Structures are given as C-alpha cells and as structure tokens.
C-alpha atoms as a PDB file:
ATOM      1  CA  MET A   1       1.598 337.044  31.111  1.00  0.00           C
ATOM      2  CA  GLU A   2      -2.132 336.924  31.265  1.00  0.00           C
ATOM      3  CA  GLU A   3      -3.579 335.484  34.468  1.00  0.00           C
ATOM      4  CA  ASN A   4      -5.345 331.961  34.115  1.00  0.00           C
ATOM      5  CA  ILE A   5      -6.582 329.154  36.168  1.00  0.00           C
ATOM      6  CA  PHE A   6      -3.179 328.064  37.175  1.00  0.00           C
ATOM      7  CA  THR A   7      -1.700 331.471  37.987  1.00  0.00           C
ATOM      8  CA  ARG A   8      -4.383 331.727  40.482  1.00  0.00           C
ATOM      9  CA  ALA A   9      -3.988 328.249  41.808  1.00  0.00           C
ATOM     10  CA  LEU A  10      -0.009 328.940  42.245  1.00  0.00           C
ATOM     11  CA  GLU A  11      -0.825 332.209  44.417  1.00  0.00           C
ATOM     12  CA  ALA A  12      -3.571 330.336  46.462  1.00  0.00           C
ATOM     13  CA  VAL A  13      -1.326 327.230  47.236  1.00  0.00           C
ATOM     14  CA  LYS A  14       1.191 329.622  48.914  1.00  0.00           C
ATOM     15  CA  HIS A  15      -1.219 330.257  51.800  1.00  0.00           C
ATOM     16  CA  ILE A  16      -2.467 326.577  52.340  1.00  0.00           C
ATOM     17  CA  ARG A  17       0.063 326.117  55.238  1.00  0.00           C
ATOM     18  CA  SER A  18       0.363 327.813  58.540  1.00  0.00           C
ATOM     19  CA  GLU A  19       3.551 328.867  59.883  1.00  0.00           C
ATOM     20  CA  GLU A  20       3.879 325.571  61.752  1.00  0.00           C
ATOM     21  CA  GLY A  21       3.128 323.672  58.604  1.00  0.00           C
ATOM     22  CA  ALA A  22      -0.286 322.660  59.135  1.00  0.00           C
ATOM     23  CA  ILE A  23      -2.718 322.533  56.216  1.00  0.00           C
ATOM     24  CA  LEU A  24      -5.336 325.264  56.743  1.00  0.00           C
ATOM     25  CA  THR A  25      -9.126 324.635  56.103  1.00  0.00           C
ATOM     26  CA  GLU A  26      -9.998 327.874  54.293  1.00  0.00           C
ATOM     27  CA  PRO A  27      -7.018 328.263  52.102  1.00  0.00           C
ATOM     28  CA  PHE A  28      -7.294 324.661  51.019  1.00  0.00           C
ATOM     29  CA  LEU A  29     -11.010 325.083  50.156  1.00  0.00           C
ATOM     30  CA  ASP A  30     -10.410 328.364  48.406  1.00  0.00           C
ATOM     31  CA  LEU A  31      -7.815 326.613  46.167  1.00  0.00           C
ATOM     32  CA  CYS A  32     -10.463 323.837  45.320  1.00  0.00           C
ATOM     33  CA  LYS A  33     -12.648 326.387  44.278  1.00  0.00           C
ATOM     34  CA  HIS A  34      -9.849 328.113  42.101  1.00  0.00           C
ATOM     35  CA  LEU A  35      -9.672 324.874  40.151  1.00  0.00           C
ATOM     36  CA  LEU A  36     -13.424 324.452  39.662  1.00  0.00           C
ATOM     37  CA  PRO A  37     -13.260 326.514  36.414  1.00  0.00           C
ATOM     38  CA  LEU A  38     -11.560 323.518  34.751  1.00  0.00           C
ATOM     39  CA  VAL A  39     -14.712 321.624  34.626  1.00  0.00           C
ATOM     40  CA  ASP A  40     -16.321 324.331  32.295  1.00  0.00           C
ATOM     41  CA  LYS A  41     -13.864 323.318  29.692  1.00  0.00           C
ATOM     42  CA  PHE A  42     -15.918 320.416  29.089  1.00  0.00           C
ATOM     43  CA  GLY A  43     -19.102 322.456  28.281  1.00  0.00           C
ATOM     44  CA  PRO A  44     -22.520 323.290  29.955  1.00  0.00           C
ATOM     45  CA  SER A  45     -23.669 319.765  29.727  1.00  0.00           C
ATOM     46  CA  LEU A  46     -21.461 318.886  32.606  1.00  0.00           C
ATOM     47  CA  SER A  47     -22.549 321.532  35.006  1.00  0.00           C
ATOM     48  CA  CYS A  48     -23.920 319.040  37.204  1.00  0.00           C
ATOM     49  CA  ILE A  49     -20.396 317.746  37.892  1.00  0.00           C
ATOM     50  CA  LYS A  50     -19.216 321.277  38.947  1.00  0.00           C
ATOM     51  CA  ALA A  51     -22.294 321.424  41.314  1.00  0.00           C
ATOM     52  CA  ASP A  52     -21.347 317.959  42.851  1.00  0.00           C
ATOM     53  CA  ILE A  53     -17.693 319.133  43.294  1.00  0.00           C
ATOM     54  CA  ALA A  54     -18.924 322.270  44.838  1.00  0.00           C
ATOM     55  CA  SER A  55     -21.114 320.524  47.242  1.00  0.00           C
ATOM     56  CA  TYR A  56     -18.095 318.861  49.011  1.00  0.00           C
ATOM     57  CA  ILE A  57     -16.426 322.047  49.243  1.00  0.00           C
ATOM     58  CA  GLU A  58     -19.778 323.822  50.641  1.00  0.00           C
ATOM     59  CA  LYS A  59     -20.053 320.854  53.327  1.00  0.00           C
ATOM     60  CA  LEU A  60     -16.630 321.562  54.534  1.00  0.00           C
ATOM     61  CA  GLU A  61     -16.993 325.403  54.436  1.00  0.00           C
ATOM     62  CA  SER A  62     -20.412 325.187  56.087  1.00  0.00           C
ATOM     63  CA  LYS A  63     -18.646 323.205  59.197  1.00  0.00           C
ATOM     64  CA  TYR A  64     -15.665 325.529  59.145  1.00  0.00           C
ATOM     65  CA  SER A  65     -17.785 328.588  59.250  1.00  0.00           C
ATOM     66  CA  THR A  66     -19.559 327.399  62.634  1.00  0.00           C
ATOM     67  CA  GLU A  67     -16.237 327.923  64.574  1.00  0.00           C
ATOM     68  CA  PRO A  68     -13.479 329.272  62.335  1.00  0.00           C
ATOM     69  CA  SER A  69     -10.739 329.286  64.861  1.00  0.00           C
ATOM     70  CA  ARG A  70     -11.646 325.622  66.105  1.00  0.00           C
ATOM     71  CA  TYR A  71     -11.413 324.324  62.625  1.00  0.00           C
ATOM     72  CA  SER A  72      -8.898 326.190  61.016  1.00  0.00           C
ATOM     73  CA  ASN A  73      -6.724 322.920  60.805  1.00  0.00           C
ATOM     74  CA  LEU A  74      -8.069 321.013  57.826  1.00  0.00           C
ATOM     75  CA  TYR A  75      -7.805 317.841  59.885  1.00  0.00           C
ATOM     76  CA  THR A  76      -9.619 318.867  62.951  1.00  0.00           C
ATOM     77  CA  ILE A  77     -13.195 318.145  61.566  1.00  0.00           C
ATOM     78  CA  THR A  78     -12.183 314.643  60.766  1.00  0.00           C
ATOM     79  CA  LYS A  79     -10.654 313.980  64.097  1.00  0.00           C
ATOM     80  CA  GLU A  80     -13.756 315.160  65.748  1.00  0.00           C
ATOM     81  CA  GLU A  81     -15.933 313.061  63.619  1.00  0.00           C
ATOM     82  CA  ILE A  82     -13.832 309.889  64.334  1.00  0.00           C
ATOM     83  CA  GLU A  83     -14.032 310.475  68.024  1.00  0.00           C
ATOM     84  CA  ASP A  84     -17.863 310.720  67.867  1.00  0.00           C
ATOM     85  CA  LYS A  85     -17.989 307.708  65.480  1.00  0.00           C
ATOM     86  CA  SER A  86     -19.792 309.623  62.674  1.00  0.00           C
ATOM     87  CA  ALA A  87     -16.646 309.960  60.293  1.00  0.00           C
ATOM     88  CA  ARG A  88     -17.824 306.880  58.111  1.00  0.00           C
ATOM     89  CA  ILE A  89     -21.299 308.130  57.632  1.00  0.00           C
ATOM     90  CA  SER A  90     -22.083 309.036  53.826  1.00  0.00           C
ATOM     91  CA  SER A  91     -23.247 312.542  54.881  1.00  0.00           C
ATOM     92  CA  SER A  92     -20.095 313.270  56.966  1.00  0.00           C
ATOM     93  CA  CYS A  93     -17.586 315.987  56.357  1.00  0.00           C
ATOM     94  CA  THR A  94     -15.039 313.421  56.603  1.00  0.00           C
ATOM     95  CA  ASN A  95     -16.521 311.543  53.634  1.00  0.00           C
ATOM     96  CA  ALA A  96     -16.755 314.951  51.622  1.00  0.00           C
ATOM     97  CA  PHE A  97     -12.976 315.536  52.469  1.00  0.00           C
ATOM     98  CA  VAL A  98     -11.927 312.006  51.384  1.00  0.00           C
ATOM     99  CA  TRP A  99     -13.887 312.449  48.050  1.00  0.00           C
ATOM    100  CA  LEU A 100     -12.828 315.970  47.400  1.00  0.00           C
ATOM    101  CA  ASN A 101      -9.296 314.954  47.872  1.00  0.00           C
ATOM    102  CA  ARG A 102      -9.684 312.164  45.305  1.00  0.00           C
ATOM    103  CA  TRP A 103     -12.264 313.865  43.141  1.00  0.00           C
ATOM    104  CA  TRP A 104     -11.908 315.667  40.286  1.00  0.00           C
ATOM    105  CA  LEU A 105     -11.611 315.693  36.410  1.00  0.00           C
ATOM    106  CA  PHE A 106     -12.000 311.925  35.774  1.00  0.00           C
ATOM    107  CA  TYR A 107     -15.730 312.592  36.609  1.00  0.00           C
ATOM    108  CA  PHE A 108     -16.136 314.228  33.167  1.00  0.00           C
ATOM    109  CA  LEU A 109     -15.331 310.974  31.674  1.00  0.00           C
ATOM    110  CA  LEU A 110     -17.248 308.528  33.944  1.00  0.00           C
ATOM    111  CA  SER A 111     -20.237 310.713  34.434  1.00  0.00           C
ATOM    112  CA  LEU A 112     -21.021 309.854  30.960  1.00  0.00           C
ATOM    113  CA  LEU A 113     -22.039 306.333  31.989  1.00  0.00           C
ATOM    114  CA  HIS A 114     -23.094 307.591  35.521  1.00  0.00           C
ATOM    115  CA  VAL A 115     -20.192 306.157  37.342  1.00  0.00           C
ATOM    116  CA  ARG A 116     -19.181 308.588  40.312  1.00  0.00           C
ATOM    117  CA  SER A 117     -15.632 308.240  41.386  1.00  0.00           C
ATOM    118  CA  VAL A 118     -13.184 310.878  40.415  1.00  0.00           C
ATOM    119  CA  ALA A 119      -9.986 312.608  41.926  1.00  0.00           C
ATOM    120  CA  MET A 120      -8.112 315.787  42.603  1.00  0.00           C
ATOM    121  CA  ASP A 121      -5.044 313.777  42.625  1.00  0.00           C
ATOM    122  CA  PHE A 122      -6.303 312.331  39.239  1.00  0.00           C
ATOM    123  CA  LEU A 123      -6.328 315.763  37.927  1.00  0.00           C
ATOM    124  CA  VAL A 124      -2.657 316.537  39.194  1.00  0.00           C
ATOM    125  CA  GLN A 125      -1.509 313.129  37.664  1.00  0.00           C
ATOM    126  CA  LEU A 126      -3.424 313.857  34.376  1.00  0.00           C
ATOM    127  CA  PHE A 127      -1.675 317.316  33.786  1.00  0.00           C
ATOM    128  CA  CYS A 128       1.775 315.899  34.784  1.00  0.00           C
ATOM    129  CA  SER A 129       1.240 312.808  32.304  1.00  0.00           C
ATOM    130  CA  LEU A 130       0.306 315.421  29.517  1.00  0.00           C
ATOM    131  CA  LEU A 131       3.298 317.562  30.128  1.00  0.00           C
ATOM    132  CA  GLU A 132       5.837 314.717  30.401  1.00  0.00           C
ATOM    133  CA  ASN A 133       4.507 312.972  27.199  1.00  0.00           C
ATOM    134  CA  PRO A 134       3.696 315.368  24.735  1.00  0.00           C
ATOM    135  CA  GLU A 135       3.188 312.564  22.140  1.00  0.00           C
ATOM    136  CA  TRP A 136       0.546 310.915  24.109  1.00  0.00           C
ATOM    137  CA  SER A 137      -3.146 311.207  23.251  1.00  0.00           C
ATOM    138  CA  MET A 138      -5.790 312.461  25.981  1.00  0.00           C
ATOM    139  CA  THR A 139      -6.934 308.801  26.250  1.00  0.00           C
ATOM    140  CA  GLN A 140      -3.274 307.499  26.887  1.00  0.00           C
ATOM    141  CA  ALA A 141      -2.860 310.262  29.498  1.00  0.00           C
ATOM    142  CA  CYS A 142      -6.201 309.487  31.429  1.00  0.00           C
ATOM    143  CA  THR A 143      -5.453 305.618  31.284  1.00  0.00           C
ATOM    144  CA  ASP A 144      -2.005 306.151  32.856  1.00  0.00           C
ATOM    145  CA  SER A 145      -3.365 308.674  35.425  1.00  0.00           C
ATOM    146  CA  TYR A 146      -6.278 306.305  36.256  1.00  0.00           C
ATOM    147  CA  LYS A 147      -3.857 303.284  36.907  1.00  0.00           C
ATOM    148  CA  LYS A 148      -1.820 305.531  39.252  1.00  0.00           C
ATOM    149  CA  THR A 149      -4.621 307.174  41.202  1.00  0.00           C
ATOM    150  CA  LEU A 150      -8.075 305.593  40.820  1.00  0.00           C
ATOM    151  CA  LYS A 151      -8.127 302.108  39.873  1.00  0.00           C
ATOM    152  CA  LYS A 152      -7.406 300.706  43.202  1.00  0.00           C
ATOM    153  CA  TRP A 153     -10.817 302.171  44.374  1.00  0.00           C
ATOM    154  CA  HIS A 154     -12.757 300.349  41.793  1.00  0.00           C
ATOM    155  CA  GLY A 155     -14.057 297.062  41.426  1.00  0.00           C
ATOM    156  CA  TRP A 156     -13.991 294.902  38.093  1.00  0.00           C
ATOM    157  CA  MET A 157     -17.225 296.456  36.663  1.00  0.00           C
ATOM    158  CA  ALA A 158     -16.100 299.949  37.251  1.00  0.00           C
ATOM    159  CA  THR A 159     -12.703 299.374  35.898  1.00  0.00           C
ATOM    160  CA  SER A 160     -14.129 297.669  32.870  1.00  0.00           C
ATOM    161  CA  THR A 161     -16.362 300.657  32.254  1.00  0.00           C
ATOM    162  CA  SER A 162     -13.499 303.125  32.651  1.00  0.00           C
ATOM    163  CA  LYS A 163     -11.719 301.595  29.990  1.00  0.00           C
ATOM    164  CA  VAL A 164     -14.600 302.268  27.670  1.00  0.00           C
ATOM    165  CA  VAL A 165     -15.288 305.733  28.799  1.00  0.00           C
ATOM    166  CA  MET A 166     -11.626 306.955  28.450  1.00  0.00           C
ATOM    167  CA  LYS A 167     -12.056 306.363  24.725  1.00  0.00           C
ATOM    168  CA  LEU A 168     -14.378 309.493  24.905  1.00  0.00           C
ATOM    169  CA  ALA A 169     -11.705 311.711  26.177  1.00  0.00           C
ATOM    170  CA  PRO A 170     -11.582 314.999  24.389  1.00  0.00           C
ATOM    171  CA  GLU A 171      -8.790 315.440  21.639  1.00  0.00           C
ATOM    172  CA  ARG A 172      -5.642 316.506  23.231  1.00  0.00           C
ATOM    173  CA  LYS A 173      -4.902 319.749  21.286  1.00  0.00           C
ATOM    174  CA  LYS A 174      -8.411 321.029  21.699  1.00  0.00           C
ATOM    175  CA  PHE A 175      -8.513 320.264  25.487  1.00  0.00           C
ATOM    176  CA  MET A 176      -5.014 321.983  25.795  1.00  0.00           C
ATOM    177  CA  ASN A 177      -6.005 324.951  23.692  1.00  0.00           C
ATOM    178  CA  SER A 178      -9.206 325.497  25.942  1.00  0.00           C
ATOM    179  CA  ILE A 179      -6.979 325.912  29.012  1.00  0.00           C
ATOM    180  CA  GLY A 180      -4.681 328.179  26.885  1.00  0.00           C
ATOM    181  CA  VAL A 181      -1.471 325.926  27.478  1.00  0.00           C
ATOM    182  CA  ASN A 182       1.712 327.544  26.085  1.00  0.00           C
ATOM    183  CA  ASP A 183       5.315 327.327  27.242  1.00  0.00           C
ATOM    184  CA  GLU A 184       4.741 329.780  30.093  1.00  0.00           C
ATOM    185  CA  VAL A 185       1.438 328.126  31.231  1.00  0.00           C
ATOM    186  CA  GLY A 186       3.023 324.592  30.848  1.00  0.00           C
ATOM    187  CA  LEU A 187       5.777 325.879  33.394  1.00  0.00           C
ATOM    188  CA  GLU A 188       2.959 326.967  35.741  1.00  0.00           C
ATOM    189  CA  ILE A 189       1.254 323.666  35.459  1.00  0.00           C
ATOM    190  CA  LYS A 190       4.321 321.818  36.242  1.00  0.00           C
ATOM    191  CA  LYS A 191       5.116 323.956  39.243  1.00  0.00           C
ATOM    192  CA  PHE A 192       1.467 323.629  40.422  1.00  0.00           C
ATOM    193  CA  CYS A 193       1.502 319.864  40.213  1.00  0.00           C
ATOM    194  CA  ALA A 194       4.977 319.777  42.098  1.00  0.00           C
ATOM    195  CA  THR A 195       3.417 322.145  44.870  1.00  0.00           C
ATOM    196  CA  PHE A 196       0.182 320.394  45.055  1.00  0.00           C
ATOM    197  CA  SER A 197       0.821 316.850  44.979  1.00  0.00           C
ATOM    198  CA  PRO A 198       2.683 316.589  48.345  1.00  0.00           C
ATOM    199  CA  ILE A 199      -0.349 318.398  49.752  1.00  0.00           C
ATOM    200  CA  LEU A 200      -2.637 315.757  48.429  1.00  0.00           C
ATOM    201  CA  GLU A 201      -0.377 313.051  49.554  1.00  0.00           C
ATOM    202  CA  GLU A 202      -0.258 314.445  53.036  1.00  0.00           C
ATOM    203  CA  ASN A 203      -4.074 314.530  53.143  1.00  0.00           C
ATOM    204  CA  HIS A 204      -4.107 310.653  51.969  1.00  0.00           C
ATOM    205  CA  LYS A 205      -1.389 309.776  54.652  1.00  0.00           C
ATOM    206  CA  PHE A 206      -3.476 311.418  57.427  1.00  0.00           C
ATOM    207  CA  LEU A 207      -6.809 309.809  56.182  1.00  0.00           C
ATOM    208  CA  ALA A 208      -5.121 306.516  56.069  1.00  0.00           C
ATOM    209  CA  ASP A 209      -3.528 306.557  59.465  1.00  0.00           C
ATOM    210  CA  ALA A 210      -7.047 307.901  60.629  1.00  0.00           C
ATOM    211  CA  GLY A 211      -8.540 304.643  59.116  1.00  0.00           C
ATOM    212  CA  VAL A 212     -10.832 306.476  56.883  1.00  0.00           C
ATOM    213  CA  ASP A 213      -9.073 306.674  53.448  1.00  0.00           C
ATOM    214  CA  ASP A 214     -11.067 303.555  52.321  1.00  0.00           C
ATOM    215  CA  LEU A 215     -14.487 305.376  52.287  1.00  0.00           C
ATOM    216  CA  LYS A 216     -16.624 304.601  49.431  1.00  0.00           C
ATOM    217  CA  ALA A 217     -18.640 307.067  47.190  1.00  0.00           C
ATOM    218  CA  PRO A 218     -21.348 308.714  49.299  1.00  0.00           C
END
C-alpha cells in the first residue's frame, strides 16, 4: 500500500514512549509535524494556520534543543515553568503545549471568522466520527467532535460562532478523497486514533493535575 500521512503517523507513534512508559518530547513533536500536511488539504489560503501550528511545535523544540537530555520527558518543561511561576504566561512553553494538545483541524473552520481555538484531540475525534458514522456529513461530524472536545473551552459567543462556521465545512466525499481514504487507509486511521487518543488524554490529565489545563488561547 502506498505510504500516506497515517502510515507515517502510525510509525511515528511507536516511538513516543520511553521504555519506562514516559512520553518523549522529540518523538511527540515529530508526530505533530507528521500531521501538519493535513492542513494542506484545505488549500493554500490556510497556510497561516499551518504556520500557527508549527509555531507551537517550534517553541517546544527550541526549548528541548537547549538541553535534550534534561528535556527528553515531555512534561519536564511544564514542571519547571510551574516551579518558576511562568507556566501561565501567554508566551510560555506550557501554553504552547496546552494548545498544541488541543489544537488542530477545527482551526480551518474557525479561522474563517478569526476565532482561534482548535485541537489535536478534535482531529482524532473527527476522524473517529467520520469512520464510525459513514452517513454523516462533514458538518455533522464536526459538530459532534466539537461538542466532545472543544465546546467546554468556549463562551457563548464562540459557541454561537462555531455553529455558523461549521456549516462551511468541506463536502465529506471531497475531503475524504483528498486524504486518500479507502478501506486500507480507513483501518490505518482507526488504528492511529486508538493509539494516539490515550496519549492526548494522558497529556490532558497531566496538565489538569498540574493546574494549567484551563489556559486560554495565547
């Protein structure tokens, strides 16, 4: 089978944990970069979205590169920022981590009305919804995924805006064709979602336990 985004993502996700089970910084960020091409499926007009996602990755990579052995564990940077009371600053690596974990595909919709709030967990949920409900339109899948992942972070205005913007979602068949979905690729997507979802949930739990999972958009 021809290699695709999810083939590469599945290979990358194998290397995210250390032998002890800790989530490793470099492999996690590498996986995020593997997923970036998904944004391209919505056309060159959304290149700014890809740049924003990349900026979070670059911020964390920059910190990691200063002392790779010290920051090999993904959570070390946040722990240090919590200790020095810089974690809640909008320019912190912790803020970048929080939003990278939430961030992703929903941005292509909300960006049309300049609402900045997207999620990587939304991406995973969206593909699960599309595969589990083949009769759903993209708008239905986006709405369901939004309720399950992002709605709690939005106030009344953002939620109202989201309902309008989701009607602008691309046609399902066109979108699925753009990422080359067939039976084999569909199985890869399911496997990726099942593998990556627990990692995102673990990140959320860590951030919640650390008291920073409520950070607003920078």
